[in-house]
Amino acid sequence: MFMPFPSLPCRDGDPEFSENLRLALRGTAVNVSILTTRDRAGINHGIAVTTAVPFSTYRPAMIVAVKHSASAYPAICESSYFCLNQISDDELDLLDKFSRSALRSSRFTTGRWSTGPHSLPYLDSATACFFCDVQGAHAHEDQTVFIGRIVGVKLADEDRRQREPLMWINGRAARLAGREYA
């Protein structure tokens, strides 16, 4: 006989609920992208994101959630453009630079960066780059979900396309290479 577990309600400020939620979300595999943008002064900004997902293929779009405290947030709001650079599993050094505020000044010093549509910086070694024009935004708590219409795509060259995209689960990088897919 199946006995369902009791539902655990969300209670603001409850440390047990917060810890259980954090542990549950850590077990969700996500891909990692470097979001880049440029402000009106021509300064590049970027952050690591795990929330970028395709939204539509009819009118191609991506959605991404960005914290209001992120250095790239004001630049996205100001310029209305961003680029999602899907990095590969051999680019953990970039992930580190784009994840930590203390390394902000060195973010664009590693890797080969070029300029794409709307003067957006993109990573030449990325497995794919999606250049997006913000079509909508929805603020929720400490983040805004941006809907970006895809205005351009850059694929990696043949050799680089064979690399695995960086996946993140349980607080660390995970490889999918050699695994069977359902």
C-alpha atoms as a PDB file:
ATOM      1  CA  MET A   1       0.000   0.000   0.000  1.00  0.00           C
ATOM      2  CA  PHE A   2       1.365   3.421  -1.034  1.00  0.00           C
ATOM      3  CA  MET A   3       1.588   5.927   1.795  1.00  0.00           C
ATOM      4  CA  PRO A   4       2.250   9.478   0.571  1.00  0.00           C
ATOM      5  CA  PHE A   5       4.612  11.641   2.537  1.00  0.00           C
ATOM      6  CA  PRO A   6       2.986  14.604   4.217  1.00  0.00           C
ATOM      7  CA  SER A   7       3.264  17.880   2.341  1.00  0.00           C
ATOM      8  CA  LEU A   8       5.738  20.245   3.923  1.00  0.00           C
ATOM      9  CA  PRO A   9       4.539  23.840   3.635  1.00  0.00           C
ATOM     10  CA  CYS A  10       6.860  26.710   2.838  1.00  0.00           C
ATOM     11  CA  ARG A  11       7.335  28.884   5.898  1.00  0.00           C
ATOM     12  CA  ASP A  12       9.299  32.093   5.495  1.00  0.00           C
ATOM     13  CA  GLY A  13      12.309  32.156   7.764  1.00  0.00           C
ATOM     14  CA  ASP A  14      12.083  28.458   8.673  1.00  0.00           C
ATOM     15  CA  PRO A  15      15.711  27.221   8.629  1.00  0.00           C
ATOM     16  CA  GLU A  16      14.724  23.537   8.265  1.00  0.00           C
ATOM     17  CA  PHE A  17      12.541  24.265   5.231  1.00  0.00           C
ATOM     18  CA  SER A  18      15.257  26.491   3.705  1.00  0.00           C
ATOM     19  CA  GLU A  19      17.902  23.773   4.117  1.00  0.00           C
ATOM     20  CA  ASN A  20      15.635  21.049   2.704  1.00  0.00           C
ATOM     21  CA  LEU A  21      14.793  23.228  -0.288  1.00  0.00           C
ATOM     22  CA  ARG A  22      18.490  24.022  -0.893  1.00  0.00           C
ATOM     23  CA  LEU A  23      19.387  20.315  -0.806  1.00  0.00           C
ATOM     24  CA  ALA A  24      16.485  19.396  -3.106  1.00  0.00           C
ATOM     25  CA  LEU A  25      17.425  22.054  -5.666  1.00  0.00           C
ATOM     26  CA  ARG A  26      21.104  21.013  -5.613  1.00  0.00           C
ATOM     27  CA  GLY A  27      20.018  17.634  -6.963  1.00  0.00           C
ATOM     28  CA  THR A  28      18.554  19.202 -10.104  1.00  0.00           C
ATOM     29  CA  ALA A  29      20.988  19.021 -13.033  1.00  0.00           C
ATOM     30  CA  VAL A  30      21.326  22.329 -14.918  1.00  0.00           C
ATOM     31  CA  ASN A  31      23.513  23.613 -17.699  1.00  0.00           C
ATOM     32  CA  VAL A  32      25.841  26.529 -17.049  1.00  0.00           C
ATOM     33  CA  SER A  33      26.106  29.587 -19.253  1.00  0.00           C
ATOM     34  CA  ILE A  34      28.021  32.813 -19.053  1.00  0.00           C
ATOM     35  CA  LEU A  35      25.640  35.713 -19.587  1.00  0.00           C
ATOM     36  CA  THR A  36      27.365  38.724 -21.113  1.00  0.00           C
ATOM     37  CA  THR A  37      26.149  42.225 -21.861  1.00  0.00           C
ATOM     38  CA  ARG A  38      27.558  45.696 -22.474  1.00  0.00           C
ATOM     39  CA  ASP A  39      26.439  48.952 -20.934  1.00  0.00           C
ATOM     40  CA  ARG A  40      26.039  52.270 -22.785  1.00  0.00           C
ATOM     41  CA  ALA A  41      29.571  53.293 -21.808  1.00  0.00           C
ATOM     42  CA  GLY A  42      30.917  50.252 -23.666  1.00  0.00           C
ATOM     43  CA  ILE A  43      31.930  48.319 -20.558  1.00  0.00           C
ATOM     44  CA  ASN A  44      31.464  44.535 -20.673  1.00  0.00           C
ATOM     45  CA  HIS A  45      29.610  42.798 -17.852  1.00  0.00           C
ATOM     46  CA  GLY A  46      29.039  39.113 -17.244  1.00  0.00           C
ATOM     47  CA  ILE A  47      27.779  36.553 -14.754  1.00  0.00           C
ATOM     48  CA  ALA A  48      27.448  32.788 -14.533  1.00  0.00           C
ATOM     49  CA  VAL A  49      23.848  31.585 -14.779  1.00  0.00           C
ATOM     50  CA  THR A  50      22.151  28.228 -14.361  1.00  0.00           C
ATOM     51  CA  THR A  51      18.673  29.486 -15.191  1.00  0.00           C
ATOM     52  CA  ALA A  52      18.896  30.007 -18.964  1.00  0.00           C
ATOM     53  CA  VAL A  53      16.424  27.863 -20.887  1.00  0.00           C
ATOM     54  CA  PRO A  54      14.850  27.901 -24.371  1.00  0.00           C
ATOM     55  CA  PHE A  55      11.400  29.429 -24.247  1.00  0.00           C
ATOM     56  CA  SER A  56       9.991  29.183 -27.740  1.00  0.00           C
ATOM     57  CA  THR A  57      10.971  28.084 -31.213  1.00  0.00           C
ATOM     58  CA  TYR A  58       8.092  29.790 -33.058  1.00  0.00           C
ATOM     59  CA  ARG A  59       9.516  33.178 -32.142  1.00  0.00           C
ATOM     60  CA  PRO A  60      12.827  31.917 -30.790  1.00  0.00           C
ATOM     61  CA  ALA A  61      13.479  33.091 -27.258  1.00  0.00           C
ATOM     62  CA  MET A  62      15.444  32.280 -24.141  1.00  0.00           C
ATOM     63  CA  ILE A  63      14.527  33.061 -20.562  1.00  0.00           C
ATOM     64  CA  VAL A  64      17.034  33.783 -17.837  1.00  0.00           C
ATOM     65  CA  ALA A  65      16.746  34.866 -14.204  1.00  0.00           C
ATOM     66  CA  VAL A  66      19.200  37.505 -12.979  1.00  0.00           C
ATOM     67  CA  LYS A  67      19.612  38.670  -9.390  1.00  0.00           C
ATOM     68  CA  HIS A  68      19.120  42.386  -8.867  1.00  0.00           C
ATOM     69  CA  SER A  69      22.438  42.519  -7.016  1.00  0.00           C
ATOM     70  CA  ALA A  70      24.362  41.045  -9.995  1.00  0.00           C
ATOM     71  CA  SER A  71      26.787  43.392 -11.706  1.00  0.00           C
ATOM     72  CA  ALA A  72      25.229  42.642 -15.106  1.00  0.00           C
ATOM     73  CA  TYR A  73      21.672  43.451 -14.018  1.00  0.00           C
ATOM     74  CA  PRO A  74      21.770  47.247 -14.549  1.00  0.00           C
ATOM     75  CA  ALA A  75      23.551  46.804 -17.888  1.00  0.00           C
ATOM     76  CA  ILE A  76      20.845  44.419 -19.167  1.00  0.00           C
ATOM     77  CA  CYS A  77      18.137  46.832 -18.055  1.00  0.00           C
ATOM     78  CA  GLU A  78      19.958  49.732 -19.721  1.00  0.00           C
ATOM     79  CA  SER A  79      20.935  48.072 -23.009  1.00  0.00           C
ATOM     80  CA  SER A  80      18.075  45.540 -23.400  1.00  0.00           C
ATOM     81  CA  TYR A  81      20.513  42.963 -24.810  1.00  0.00           C
ATOM     82  CA  PHE A  82      22.350  39.921 -23.495  1.00  0.00           C
ATOM     83  CA  CYS A  83      24.276  36.943 -24.848  1.00  0.00           C
ATOM     84  CA  LEU A  84      24.154  33.451 -23.364  1.00  0.00           C
ATOM     85  CA  ASN A  85      27.455  31.624 -23.890  1.00  0.00           C
ATOM     86  CA  GLN A  86      27.148  27.885 -23.232  1.00  0.00           C
ATOM     87  CA  ILE A  87      30.492  26.838 -21.827  1.00  0.00           C
ATOM     88  CA  SER A  88      32.001  23.386 -21.960  1.00  0.00           C
ATOM     89  CA  ASP A  89      33.103  21.103 -19.173  1.00  0.00           C
ATOM     90  CA  ASP A  90      36.751  22.143 -19.633  1.00  0.00           C
ATOM     91  CA  GLU A  91      36.076  25.825 -18.811  1.00  0.00           C
ATOM     92  CA  LEU A  92      35.695  25.696 -15.035  1.00  0.00           C
ATOM     93  CA  ASP A  93      38.169  28.573 -14.685  1.00  0.00           C
ATOM     94  CA  LEU A  94      35.679  30.840 -16.491  1.00  0.00           C
ATOM     95  CA  LEU A  95      32.855  29.656 -14.285  1.00  0.00           C
ATOM     96  CA  ASP A  96      34.884  30.608 -11.229  1.00  0.00           C
ATOM     97  CA  LYS A  97      35.641  34.115 -12.547  1.00  0.00           C
ATOM     98  CA  PHE A  98      32.058  34.820 -13.552  1.00  0.00           C
ATOM     99  CA  SER A  99      30.623  33.421 -10.293  1.00  0.00           C
ATOM    100  CA  ARG A 100      32.655  35.372  -7.760  1.00  0.00           C
ATOM    101  CA  SER A 101      32.302  39.133  -7.316  1.00  0.00           C
ATOM    102  CA  ALA A 102      35.890  39.391  -6.066  1.00  0.00           C
ATOM    103  CA  LEU A 103      37.095  38.255  -9.529  1.00  0.00           C
ATOM    104  CA  ARG A 104      34.888  40.691 -11.474  1.00  0.00           C
ATOM    105  CA  SER A 105      37.813  42.724 -12.846  1.00  0.00           C
ATOM    106  CA  SER A 106      39.411  39.611 -14.399  1.00  0.00           C
ATOM    107  CA  ARG A 107      36.302  38.156 -16.056  1.00  0.00           C
ATOM    108  CA  PHE A 108      37.163  39.094 -19.624  1.00  0.00           C
ATOM    109  CA  THR A 109      40.942  38.526 -19.298  1.00  0.00           C
ATOM    110  CA  THR A 110      40.701  34.746 -19.845  1.00  0.00           C
ATOM    111  CA  GLY A 111      39.438  33.151 -23.033  1.00  0.00           C
ATOM    112  CA  ARG A 112      39.056  34.611 -26.501  1.00  0.00           C
ATOM    113  CA  TRP A 113      36.264  37.171 -26.626  1.00  0.00           C
ATOM    114  CA  SER A 114      34.759  38.684 -29.775  1.00  0.00           C
ATOM    115  CA  THR A 115      31.986  41.151 -30.467  1.00  0.00           C
ATOM    116  CA  GLY A 116      28.651  40.057 -31.929  1.00  0.00           C
ATOM    117  CA  PRO A 117      25.292  41.657 -32.682  1.00  0.00           C
ATOM    118  CA  HIS A 118      24.514  44.792 -30.648  1.00  0.00           C
ATOM    119  CA  SER A 119      28.205  44.902 -29.600  1.00  0.00           C
ATOM    120  CA  LEU A 120      27.640  41.981 -27.241  1.00  0.00           C
ATOM    121  CA  PRO A 121      30.775  40.166 -26.095  1.00  0.00           C
ATOM    122  CA  TYR A 122      30.770  36.452 -26.848  1.00  0.00           C
ATOM    123  CA  LEU A 123      33.154  33.618 -26.034  1.00  0.00           C
ATOM    124  CA  ASP A 124      34.754  32.077 -29.125  1.00  0.00           C
ATOM    125  CA  SER A 125      35.153  28.706 -27.394  1.00  0.00           C
ATOM    126  CA  ALA A 126      31.496  28.447 -26.305  1.00  0.00           C
ATOM    127  CA  THR A 127      29.611  25.434 -27.614  1.00  0.00           C
ATOM    128  CA  ALA A 128      26.854  27.862 -28.633  1.00  0.00           C
ATOM    129  CA  CYS A 129      26.099  31.562 -28.180  1.00  0.00           C
ATOM    130  CA  PHE A 130      22.580  33.015 -28.184  1.00  0.00           C
ATOM    131  CA  PHE A 131      22.329  36.754 -28.830  1.00  0.00           C
ATOM    132  CA  CYS A 132      19.109  38.073 -27.303  1.00  0.00           C
ATOM    133  CA  ASP A 133      17.015  41.239 -27.440  1.00  0.00           C
ATOM    134  CA  VAL A 134      14.979  41.703 -24.241  1.00  0.00           C
ATOM    135  CA  GLN A 135      11.267  41.481 -25.095  1.00  0.00           C
ATOM    136  CA  GLY A 136       9.930  41.242 -21.582  1.00  0.00           C
ATOM    137  CA  ALA A 137      10.912  41.210 -17.931  1.00  0.00           C
ATOM    138  CA  HIS A 138       9.165  40.049 -14.783  1.00  0.00           C
ATOM    139  CA  ALA A 139      10.529  41.004 -11.364  1.00  0.00           C
ATOM    140  CA  HIS A 140      10.056  38.457  -8.595  1.00  0.00           C
ATOM    141  CA  GLU A 141      11.530  38.986  -5.141  1.00  0.00           C
ATOM    142  CA  ASP A 142      15.292  39.586  -5.614  1.00  0.00           C
ATOM    143  CA  GLN A 143      15.452  38.564  -9.296  1.00  0.00           C
ATOM    144  CA  THR A 144      14.091  39.490 -12.697  1.00  0.00           C
ATOM    145  CA  VAL A 145      13.221  36.919 -15.337  1.00  0.00           C
ATOM    146  CA  PHE A 146      14.152  38.299 -18.746  1.00  0.00           C
ATOM    147  CA  ILE A 147      12.604  36.996 -21.966  1.00  0.00           C
ATOM    148  CA  GLY A 148      15.103  37.500 -24.762  1.00  0.00           C
ATOM    149  CA  ARG A 149      14.159  37.084 -28.420  1.00  0.00           C
ATOM    150  CA  ILE A 150      17.045  35.254 -30.107  1.00  0.00           C
ATOM    151  CA  VAL A 151      18.415  37.562 -32.807  1.00  0.00           C
ATOM    152  CA  GLY A 152      21.519  35.498 -33.593  1.00  0.00           C
ATOM    153  CA  VAL A 153      23.204  32.172 -32.880  1.00  0.00           C
ATOM    154  CA  LYS A 154      26.873  31.278 -33.154  1.00  0.00           C
ATOM    155  CA  LEU A 155      27.853  27.622 -33.080  1.00  0.00           C
ATOM    156  CA  ALA A 156      31.289  26.363 -32.180  1.00  0.00           C
ATOM    157  CA  ASP A 157      33.462  25.027 -34.978  1.00  0.00           C
ATOM    158  CA  GLU A 158      33.345  21.270 -35.688  1.00  0.00           C
ATOM    159  CA  ASP A 159      36.103  20.344 -33.209  1.00  0.00           C
ATOM    160  CA  ARG A 160      34.585  22.342 -30.371  1.00  0.00           C
ATOM    161  CA  ARG A 161      31.068  21.017 -31.021  1.00  0.00           C
ATOM    162  CA  GLN A 162      32.282  17.614 -29.863  1.00  0.00           C
ATOM    163  CA  ARG A 163      32.924  18.963 -26.342  1.00  0.00           C
ATOM    164  CA  GLU A 164      30.389  18.378 -23.612  1.00  0.00           C
ATOM    165  CA  PRO A 165      28.450  21.356 -22.226  1.00  0.00           C
ATOM    166  CA  LEU A 166      29.105  22.144 -18.583  1.00  0.00           C
ATOM    167  CA  MET A 167      26.446  20.623 -16.347  1.00  0.00           C
ATOM    168  CA  TRP A 168      26.079  21.360 -12.655  1.00  0.00           C
ATOM    169  CA  ILE A 169      24.551  19.095 -10.003  1.00  0.00           C
ATOM    170  CA  ASN A 170      25.039  18.669  -6.249  1.00  0.00           C
ATOM    171  CA  GLY A 171      27.360  21.667  -6.086  1.00  0.00           C
ATOM    172  CA  ARG A 172      29.869  20.485  -8.691  1.00  0.00           C
ATOM    173  CA  ALA A 173      30.467  19.917 -12.383  1.00  0.00           C
ATOM    174  CA  ALA A 174      29.144  16.709 -13.919  1.00  0.00           C
ATOM    175  CA  ARG A 175      30.045  14.977 -17.178  1.00  0.00           C
ATOM    176  CA  LEU A 176      27.464  13.373 -19.401  1.00  0.00           C
ATOM    177  CA  ALA A 177      29.986  11.914 -21.855  1.00  0.00           C
ATOM    178  CA  GLY A 178      29.830   8.142 -22.110  1.00  0.00           C
ATOM    179  CA  ARG A 179      26.476   7.908 -20.348  1.00  0.00           C
ATOM    180  CA  GLU A 180      23.428   6.352 -21.882  1.00  0.00           C
ATOM    181  CA  TYR A 181      20.582   8.695 -22.589  1.00  0.00           C
ATOM    182  CA  ALA A 182      16.944   7.738 -22.076  1.00  0.00           C
END
